[in-house]
C-alpha atoms as a PDB file:
ATOM      1  CA  MET A   1      57.593  65.525 139.460  1.00  0.00           C
ATOM      2  CA  LEU A   2      54.054  65.366 140.211  1.00  0.00           C
ATOM      3  CA  LYS A   3      51.394  62.652 139.487  1.00  0.00           C
ATOM      4  CA  LYS A   4      47.811  63.667 137.205  1.00  0.00           C
ATOM      5  CA  GLN A   5      46.109  63.728 140.658  1.00  0.00           C
ATOM      6  CA  GLU A   6      48.410  66.097 142.528  1.00  0.00           C
ATOM      7  CA  TYR A   7      48.839  68.385 139.364  1.00  0.00           C
ATOM      8  CA  LEU A   8      45.264  69.161 139.109  1.00  0.00           C
ATOM      9  CA  THR A   9      44.886  69.801 142.659  1.00  0.00           C
ATOM     10  CA  ALA A  10      47.677  72.370 142.708  1.00  0.00           C
ATOM     11  CA  LEU A  11      46.601  73.762 139.740  1.00  0.00           C
ATOM     12  CA  SER A  12      42.906  74.128 140.972  1.00  0.00           C
ATOM     13  CA  ASN A  13      44.184  76.062 143.737  1.00  0.00           C
ATOM     14  CA  SER A  14      47.004  78.090 142.118  1.00  0.00           C
ATOM     15  CA  LEU A  15      43.660  79.020 139.636  1.00  0.00           C
ATOM     16  CA  LYS A  16      41.315  79.825 142.586  1.00  0.00           C
ATOM     17  CA  ALA A  17      44.022  81.596 144.537  1.00  0.00           C
ATOM     18  CA  LYS A  18      44.453  84.138 140.987  1.00  0.00           C
ATOM     19  CA  ARG A  19      40.537  84.079 140.656  1.00  0.00           C
ATOM     20  CA  VAL A  20      40.963  82.942 137.180  1.00  0.00           C
ATOM     21  CA  ARG A  21      37.600  83.076 135.380  1.00  0.00           C
ATOM     22  CA  ASP A  22      36.156  79.480 133.781  1.00  0.00           C
ATOM     23  CA  SER A  23      38.814  77.393 135.904  1.00  0.00           C
ATOM     24  CA  VAL A  24      36.431  74.529 135.777  1.00  0.00           C
ATOM     25  CA  ASN A  25      36.945  74.215 131.873  1.00  0.00           C
ATOM     26  CA  ILE A  26      40.914  74.665 132.049  1.00  0.00           C
ATOM     27  CA  LEU A  27      41.105  71.889 134.469  1.00  0.00           C
ATOM     28  CA  LYS A  28      38.936  69.793 132.578  1.00  0.00           C
ATOM     29  CA  GLU A  29      41.189  70.435 129.794  1.00  0.00           C
ATOM     30  CA  CYS A  30      44.237  69.715 131.377  1.00  0.00           C
ATOM     31  CA  GLN A  31      43.125  66.542 132.518  1.00  0.00           C
ATOM     32  CA  GLU A  32      42.018  65.330 128.871  1.00  0.00           C
ATOM     33  CA  PHE A  33      45.752  66.234 127.989  1.00  0.00           C
ATOM     34  CA  LEU A  34      47.388  64.325 130.452  1.00  0.00           C
ATOM     35  CA  ASP A  35      44.858  61.609 130.061  1.00  0.00           C
ATOM     36  CA  SER A  36      45.467  61.142 126.654  1.00  0.00           C
ATOM     37  CA  LYS A  37      49.499  61.388 126.947  1.00  0.00           C
ATOM     38  CA  ILE A  38      48.864  58.284 129.998  1.00  0.00           C
ATOM     39  CA  GLU A  39      46.887  56.080 127.297  1.00  0.00           C
ATOM     40  CA  TYR A  40      49.870  56.596 124.898  1.00  0.00           C
ATOM     41  CA  GLY A  41      52.333  55.280 127.426  1.00  0.00           C
ATOM     42  CA  TYR A  42      53.882  58.229 128.963  1.00  0.00           C
ATOM     43  CA  SER A  43      53.796  57.856 132.880  1.00  0.00           C
ATOM     44  CA  GLU A  44      51.885  60.521 135.369  1.00  0.00           C
ATOM     45  CA  GLU A  45      54.868  62.343 135.617  1.00  0.00           C
ATOM     46  CA  GLU A  46      56.104  62.282 132.705  1.00  0.00           C
ATOM     47  CA  ALA A  47      52.520  63.963 131.338  1.00  0.00           C
ATOM     48  CA  THR A  48      52.554  66.197 133.788  1.00  0.00           C
ATOM     49  CA  ALA A  49      56.067  67.543 133.094  1.00  0.00           C
ATOM     50  CA  MET A  50      54.651  68.191 129.572  1.00  0.00           C
ATOM     51  CA  LEU A  51      52.897  71.351 131.078  1.00  0.00           C
ATOM     52  CA  TRP A  52      54.347  74.138 133.006  1.00  0.00           C
ATOM     53  CA  PRO A  53      54.003  74.074 136.588  1.00  0.00           C
ATOM     54  CA  PRO A  54      50.362  74.599 137.524  1.00  0.00           C
ATOM     55  CA  ASP A  55      51.153  78.413 139.552  1.00  0.00           C
ATOM     56  CA  ASP A  56      52.613  79.416 136.119  1.00  0.00           C
ATOM     57  CA  VAL A  57      49.591  78.421 134.318  1.00  0.00           C
ATOM     58  CA  ALA A  58      47.421  80.311 136.416  1.00  0.00           C
ATOM     59  CA  ALA A  59      49.788  83.278 136.350  1.00  0.00           C
ATOM     60  CA  SER A  60      49.923  82.923 132.459  1.00  0.00           C
ATOM     61  CA  VAL A  61      46.222  82.923 131.994  1.00  0.00           C
ATOM     62  CA  LYS A  62      45.637  85.578 134.635  1.00  0.00           C
ATOM     63  CA  SER A  63      48.122  87.572 132.998  1.00  0.00           C
ATOM     64  CA  ASP A  64      46.074  86.811 129.340  1.00  0.00           C
ATOM     65  CA  GLU A  65      42.787  87.583 130.882  1.00  0.00           C
ATOM     66  CA  SER A  66      44.267  91.338 132.059  1.00  0.00           C
ATOM     67  CA  GLN A  67      45.889  91.826 128.735  1.00  0.00           C
ATOM     68  CA  ARG A  68      42.692  90.515 126.897  1.00  0.00           C
ATOM     69  CA  ARG A  69      40.565  92.713 128.778  1.00  0.00           C
ATOM     70  CA  ARG A  70      43.113  95.662 128.043  1.00  0.00           C
ATOM     71  CA  ARG A  71      42.308  95.301 124.587  1.00  0.00           C
ATOM     72  CA  SER A  72      38.630  94.530 124.649  1.00  0.00           C
ATOM     73  CA  ASP A  73      37.717  98.187 125.691  1.00  0.00           C
ATOM     74  CA  SER A  74      38.970  99.402 122.302  1.00  0.00           C
ATOM     75  CA  LYS A  75      35.554  99.359 120.854  1.00  0.00           C
ATOM     76  CA  THR A  76      36.776  99.649 117.246  1.00  0.00           C
ATOM     77  CA  ILE A  77      38.951  96.795 118.029  1.00  0.00           C
ATOM     78  CA  ARG A  78      35.649  94.463 119.728  1.00  0.00           C
ATOM     79  CA  ALA A  79      33.958  96.140 116.913  1.00  0.00           C
ATOM     80  CA  VAL A  80      35.826  94.514 113.786  1.00  0.00           C
ATOM     81  CA  SER A  81      36.698  90.918 115.622  1.00  0.00           C
ATOM     82  CA  LYS A  82      32.570  90.714 116.173  1.00  0.00           C
ATOM     83  CA  SER A  83      31.938  91.742 112.490  1.00  0.00           C
ATOM     84  CA  GLY A  84      34.523  89.639 111.297  1.00  0.00           C
ATOM     85  CA  LEU A  85      33.055  86.804 113.685  1.00  0.00           C
ATOM     86  CA  ILE A  86      29.653  87.507 112.241  1.00  0.00           C
ATOM     87  CA  ILE A  87      30.678  87.329 108.770  1.00  0.00           C
ATOM     88  CA  ALA A  88      32.520  83.625 108.882  1.00  0.00           C
ATOM     89  CA  ASP A  89      29.687  82.271 110.779  1.00  0.00           C
ATOM     90  CA  LEU A  90      27.519  82.734 107.754  1.00  0.00           C
ATOM     91  CA  PHE A  91      29.573  80.077 105.973  1.00  0.00           C
ATOM     92  CA  ILE A  92      30.740  78.183 109.185  1.00  0.00           C
ATOM     93  CA  ILE A  93      27.409  77.849 110.267  1.00  0.00           C
ATOM     94  CA  PRO A  94      25.259  76.098 107.429  1.00  0.00           C
ATOM     95  CA  LEU A  95      28.077  74.212 107.062  1.00  0.00           C
ATOM     96  CA  CYS A  96      28.235  72.511 110.765  1.00  0.00           C
ATOM     97  CA  ILE A  97      23.969  72.104 109.823  1.00  0.00           C
ATOM     98  CA  ALA A  98      24.967  69.999 106.418  1.00  0.00           C
ATOM     99  CA  MET A  99      27.583  68.087 108.381  1.00  0.00           C
ATOM    100  CA  PHE A 100      24.891  67.132 111.085  1.00  0.00           C
ATOM    101  CA  ALA A 101      22.386  66.455 108.767  1.00  0.00           C
ATOM    102  CA  LEU A 102      24.803  63.948 106.364  1.00  0.00           C
ATOM    103  CA  ILE A 103      25.973  61.857 110.120  1.00  0.00           C
ATOM    104  CA  LEU A 104      22.038  61.702 110.602  1.00  0.00           C
ATOM    105  CA  LEU A 105      21.266  60.760 107.121  1.00  0.00           C
ATOM    106  CA  TYR A 106      24.466  58.435 107.583  1.00  0.00           C
ATOM    107  CA  GLY A 107      22.675  56.652 110.733  1.00  0.00           C
ATOM    108  CA  VAL A 108      19.482  56.257 109.097  1.00  0.00           C
ATOM    109  CA  ILE A 109      20.868  54.344 106.089  1.00  0.00           C
ATOM    110  CA  THR A 110      22.725  52.300 108.648  1.00  0.00           C
ATOM    111  CA  MET A 111      19.840  51.233 110.471  1.00  0.00           C
ATOM    112  CA  GLY A 112      17.805  50.656 107.562  1.00  0.00           C
ATOM    113  CA  GLY A 113      20.201  48.273 106.617  1.00  0.00           C
ATOM    114  CA  PHE A 114      20.359  46.844 109.662  1.00  0.00           C
ATOM    115  CA  PHE A 115      16.546  45.896 110.045  1.00  0.00           C
ATOM    116  CA  THR A 116      16.849  44.522 105.993  1.00  0.00           C
ATOM    117  CA  GLY A 117      19.490  42.023 107.196  1.00  0.00           C
ATOM    118  CA  VAL A 118      16.764  41.356 109.989  1.00  0.00           C
ATOM    119  CA  PHE A 119      14.369  40.681 107.769  1.00  0.00           C
ATOM    120  CA  LEU A 120      16.363  38.460 105.500  1.00  0.00           C
ATOM    121  CA  ILE A 121      17.377  36.233 108.272  1.00  0.00           C
ATOM    122  CA  ALA A 122      14.031  36.097 110.034  1.00  0.00           C
ATOM    123  CA  GLY A 123      12.196  35.136 106.337  1.00  0.00           C
ATOM    124  CA  LEU A 124      10.259  38.305 106.121  1.00  0.00           C
ATOM    125  CA  ALA A 125      11.828  39.444 103.246  1.00  0.00           C
ATOM    126  CA  THR A 126       9.297  37.428 100.986  1.00  0.00           C
ATOM    127  CA  ASP A 127       6.067  35.813 102.017  1.00  0.00           C
ATOM    128  CA  ASP A 128       4.590  32.289 101.489  1.00  0.00           C
ATOM    129  CA  GLN A 129       4.602  32.658  97.514  1.00  0.00           C
ATOM    130  CA  GLY A 130       7.968  34.357  97.061  1.00  0.00           C
ATOM    131  CA  THR A 131       6.750  37.626  96.474  1.00  0.00           C
ATOM    132  CA  ALA A 132       9.708  40.022  97.785  1.00  0.00           C
ATOM    133  CA  PHE A 133       8.730  42.976 100.018  1.00  0.00           C
ATOM    134  CA  MET A 134      10.962  46.042 100.551  1.00  0.00           C
ATOM    135  CA  GLN A 135      12.083  46.119  97.305  1.00  0.00           C
ATOM    136  CA  ILE A 136      14.265  42.688  97.985  1.00  0.00           C
ATOM    137  CA  PRO A 137      14.663  40.457  95.049  1.00  0.00           C
ATOM    138  CA  SER A 138      13.273  36.679  95.907  1.00  0.00           C
ATOM    139  CA  MET A 139      16.176  34.139  96.365  1.00  0.00           C
ATOM    140  CA  PRO A 140      16.357  30.808  98.569  1.00  0.00           C
ATOM    141  CA  TYR A 141      16.152  31.008 102.239  1.00  0.00           C
ATOM    142  CA  ILE A 142      19.599  30.113 102.388  1.00  0.00           C
ATOM    143  CA  CYS A 143      21.144  32.721 100.739  1.00  0.00           C
ATOM    144  CA  ALA A 144      18.959  35.251 101.983  1.00  0.00           C
ATOM    145  CA  VAL A 145      20.198  34.183 105.174  1.00  0.00           C
ATOM    146  CA  PHE A 146      23.861  34.796 104.618  1.00  0.00           C
ATOM    147  CA  LEU A 147      23.363  37.619 102.629  1.00  0.00           C
ATOM    148  CA  GLY A 148      21.512  38.963 106.054  1.00  0.00           C
ATOM    149  CA  ILE A 149      24.101  38.318 108.325  1.00  0.00           C
ATOM    150  CA  ALA A 150      26.086  40.294 105.480  1.00  0.00           C
ATOM    151  CA  VAL A 151      24.218  42.831 105.504  1.00  0.00           C
ATOM    152  CA  VAL A 152      24.112  43.066 109.435  1.00  0.00           C
ATOM    153  CA  SER A 153      27.568  42.837 109.926  1.00  0.00           C
ATOM    154  CA  LEU A 154      28.166  45.985 107.441  1.00  0.00           C
ATOM    155  CA  SER A 155      26.111  48.081 109.322  1.00  0.00           C
ATOM    156  CA  VAL A 156      27.722  47.362 112.411  1.00  0.00           C
ATOM    157  CA  THR A 157      31.156  48.251 110.468  1.00  0.00           C
ATOM    158  CA  SER A 158      29.244  51.470 109.205  1.00  0.00           C
ATOM    159  CA  CYS A 159      27.822  51.651 113.204  1.00  0.00           C
ATOM    160  CA  ILE A 160      31.400  52.630 114.056  1.00  0.00           C
ATOM    161  CA  GLY A 161      31.933  55.488 111.096  1.00  0.00           C
ATOM    162  CA  VAL A 162      28.671  57.175 112.485  1.00  0.00           C
ATOM    163  CA  GLU A 163      30.112  57.280 115.803  1.00  0.00           C
ATOM    164  CA  TYR A 164      33.321  58.503 114.758  1.00  0.00           C
ATOM    165  CA  CYS A 165      31.603  61.522 112.740  1.00  0.00           C
ATOM    166  CA  ARG A 166      29.802  62.190 115.552  1.00  0.00           C
ATOM    167  CA  LEU A 167      32.751  62.185 117.618  1.00  0.00           C
ATOM    168  CA  GLN A 168      34.545  64.587 115.268  1.00  0.00           C
ATOM    169  CA  ALA A 169      31.506  66.842 114.127  1.00  0.00           C
ATOM    170  CA  THR A 170      31.323  67.706 118.231  1.00  0.00           C
ATOM    171  CA  GLN A 171      35.053  68.306 118.535  1.00  0.00           C
ATOM    172  CA  ILE A 172      34.777  70.303 115.832  1.00  0.00           C
ATOM    173  CA  LEU A 173      32.080  72.440 117.134  1.00  0.00           C
ATOM    174  CA  ARG A 174      33.764  72.968 120.707  1.00  0.00           C
ATOM    175  CA  LYS A 175      36.834  73.885 118.753  1.00  0.00           C
ATOM    176  CA  LEU A 176      33.933  76.744 116.806  1.00  0.00           C
ATOM    177  CA  ALA A 177      32.679  77.545 120.564  1.00  0.00           C
ATOM    178  CA  ARG A 178      36.001  78.300 121.821  1.00  0.00           C
ATOM    179  CA  LEU A 179      36.882  80.626 118.886  1.00  0.00           C
ATOM    180  CA  HIS A 180      33.356  82.894 119.924  1.00  0.00           C
ATOM    181  CA  LYS A 181      34.342  82.678 123.430  1.00  0.00           C
ATOM    182  CA  TYR A 182      38.156  84.302 122.836  1.00  0.00           C
ATOM    183  CA  VAL A 183      36.401  86.925 120.659  1.00  0.00           C
ATOM    184  CA  LEU A 184      33.229  87.831 122.365  1.00  0.00           C
ATOM    185  CA  THR A 185      34.542  87.573 125.957  1.00  0.00           C
ATOM    186  CA  THR A 186      37.868  87.656 127.655  1.00  0.00           C
ATOM    187  CA  ALA A 187      37.597  83.830 129.449  1.00  0.00           C
ATOM    188  CA  GLY A 188      39.112  81.797 126.297  1.00  0.00           C
ATOM    189  CA  TYR A 189      41.682  80.391 127.946  1.00  0.00           C
ATOM    190  CA  GLU A 190      41.460  77.273 128.369  1.00  0.00           C
ATOM    191  CA  LEU A 191      44.710  75.006 128.572  1.00  0.00           C
ATOM    192  CA  PRO A 192      46.295  73.303 126.641  1.00  0.00           C
ATOM    193  CA  PRO A 193      44.511  74.143 122.876  1.00  0.00           C
ATOM    194  CA  LEU A 194      41.687  71.608 121.652  1.00  0.00           C
ATOM    195  CA  PRO A 195      43.162  69.307 119.158  1.00  0.00           C
ATOM    196  CA  PHE A 196      41.627  68.741 115.861  1.00  0.00           C
ATOM    197  CA  THR A 197      40.888  65.223 115.764  1.00  0.00           C
ATOM    198  CA  PRO A 198      38.724  63.818 118.899  1.00  0.00           C
ATOM    199  CA  TRP A 199      40.271  62.082 121.849  1.00  0.00           C
ATOM    200  CA  ILE A 200      39.011  58.709 122.640  1.00  0.00           C
ATOM    201  CA  SER A 201      39.930  56.544 125.349  1.00  0.00           C
ATOM    202  CA  SER A 202      41.833  53.659 125.129  1.00  0.00           C
ATOM    203  CA  ALA A 203      39.390  51.384 126.341  1.00  0.00           C
ATOM    204  CA  LYS A 204      36.280  52.672 123.850  1.00  0.00           C
ATOM    205  CA  ARG A 205      39.279  53.303 120.749  1.00  0.00           C
ATOM    206  CA  ARG A 206      40.323  49.228 121.625  1.00  0.00           C
ATOM    207  CA  PHE A 207      36.071  48.384 121.456  1.00  0.00           C
ATOM    208  CA  MET A 208      35.775  50.260 118.418  1.00  0.00           C
ATOM    209  CA  ARG A 209      38.227  48.636 116.317  1.00  0.00           C
ATOM    210  CA  THR A 210      37.888  45.429 117.717  1.00  0.00           C
ATOM    211  CA  ILE A 211      33.628  45.387 116.851  1.00  0.00           C
ATOM    212  CA  ALA A 212      34.233  47.118 113.167  1.00  0.00           C
ATOM    213  CA  PHE A 213      37.154  44.355 112.626  1.00  0.00           C
ATOM    214  CA  VAL A 214      35.176  41.397 113.797  1.00  0.00           C
ATOM    215  CA  SER A 215      32.467  42.851 111.654  1.00  0.00           C
ATOM    216  CA  PHE A 216      33.840  43.456 108.778  1.00  0.00           C
ATOM    217  CA  ILE A 217      35.698  39.976 108.387  1.00  0.00           C
ATOM    218  CA  LEU A 218      32.395  38.558 109.233  1.00  0.00           C
ATOM    219  CA  PHE A 219      30.346  40.356 106.600  1.00  0.00           C
ATOM    220  CA  ALA A 220      33.520  39.267 103.826  1.00  0.00           C
ATOM    221  CA  PHE A 221      32.855  35.603 105.068  1.00  0.00           C
ATOM    222  CA  ALA A 222      29.050  35.697 104.790  1.00  0.00           C
ATOM    223  CA  ILE A 223      28.948  37.504 101.319  1.00  0.00           C
ATOM    224  CA  ILE A 224      31.241  34.926 100.114  1.00  0.00           C
ATOM    225  CA  ILE A 225      29.605  32.098 101.667  1.00  0.00           C
ATOM    226  CA  CYS A 226      25.914  33.804  99.558  1.00  0.00           C
ATOM    227  CA  LEU A 227      27.694  34.295  96.868  1.00  0.00           C
ATOM    228  CA  VAL A 228      28.908  30.878  96.330  1.00  0.00           C
ATOM    229  CA  SER A 229      25.602  29.234  97.694  1.00  0.00           C
ATOM    230  CA  MET A 230      23.642  31.225  95.144  1.00  0.00           C
ATOM    231  CA  VAL A 231      25.523  29.700  91.949  1.00  0.00           C
ATOM    232  CA  PHE A 232      25.331  26.037  93.651  1.00  0.00           C
ATOM    233  CA  ILE A 233      21.774  26.386  93.880  1.00  0.00           C
ATOM    234  CA  SER A 234      20.740  28.054  90.665  1.00  0.00           C
ATOM    235  CA  ARG A 235      23.620  26.394  89.064  1.00  0.00           C
ATOM    236  CA  SER A 236      24.845  29.140  86.968  1.00  0.00           C
ATOM    237  CA  LEU A 237      27.484  31.956  87.596  1.00  0.00           C
ATOM    238  CA  THR A 238      24.661  34.469  87.281  1.00  0.00           C
ATOM    239  CA  PRO A 239      22.283  33.484  89.332  1.00  0.00           C
ATOM    240  CA  TRP A 240      20.354  36.709  89.209  1.00  0.00           C
ATOM    241  CA  ASN A 241      19.428  36.144  85.492  1.00  0.00           C
ATOM    242  CA  VAL A 242      18.020  32.669  86.539  1.00  0.00           C
ATOM    243  CA  TRP A 243      15.888  34.221  89.428  1.00  0.00           C
ATOM    244  CA  ASN A 244      14.673  37.150  87.117  1.00  0.00           C
ATOM    245  CA  TRP A 245      15.811  39.738  89.591  1.00  0.00           C
ATOM    246  CA  PHE A 246      15.878  42.432  86.894  1.00  0.00           C
ATOM    247  CA  SER A 247      12.839  41.682  84.398  1.00  0.00           C
END
């Protein structure tokens, strides 16, 4: 039973001995696979046992490369594969562009919410005469502070969502690049296969989960206190009518 570094070293030596193309990416994929299993509680020996022995992996990849190279000699097969990939790209590439555009829009809205909350907390949402800026309704400062805290907290939670969407979109692009590499070249044999969902280290996953949880709880408390203070100060269950927000 090999430890992670021993396995990767042996695999690297086997790949070099057999002159396997793209050995760097193969090692990277194997390392990510082992890291993910170790993060889920497997020992290093148990994780490496899930993969083929290093010599077998190198031999299999080399054999696949040879078979792929022989198949690629057929101009008909190569032309059909490339034509199918081009047709697929006509649909996939616009979807990828739209996906990243939506993530960018999501991020811009999140940052806008964050700065709006900061302005509310700093008392910059209204001037000395109570005139609202940025289309924010006028309200007592104490209500604006708690509303600002709620908006900032929700924006932080949303930032975690933006980051996960970015990681997922990047993983989809990696899988798409792998498909192109397999069809267009003879070096699309990185092992093990890429998962659909992105791999996130345990430390980063705990950090994202903690920040999202704490910020959402803070949002819930702040918005409740904001509403209660609005009702108490306006002495009405509909403070927005008292303060003429919609007139």
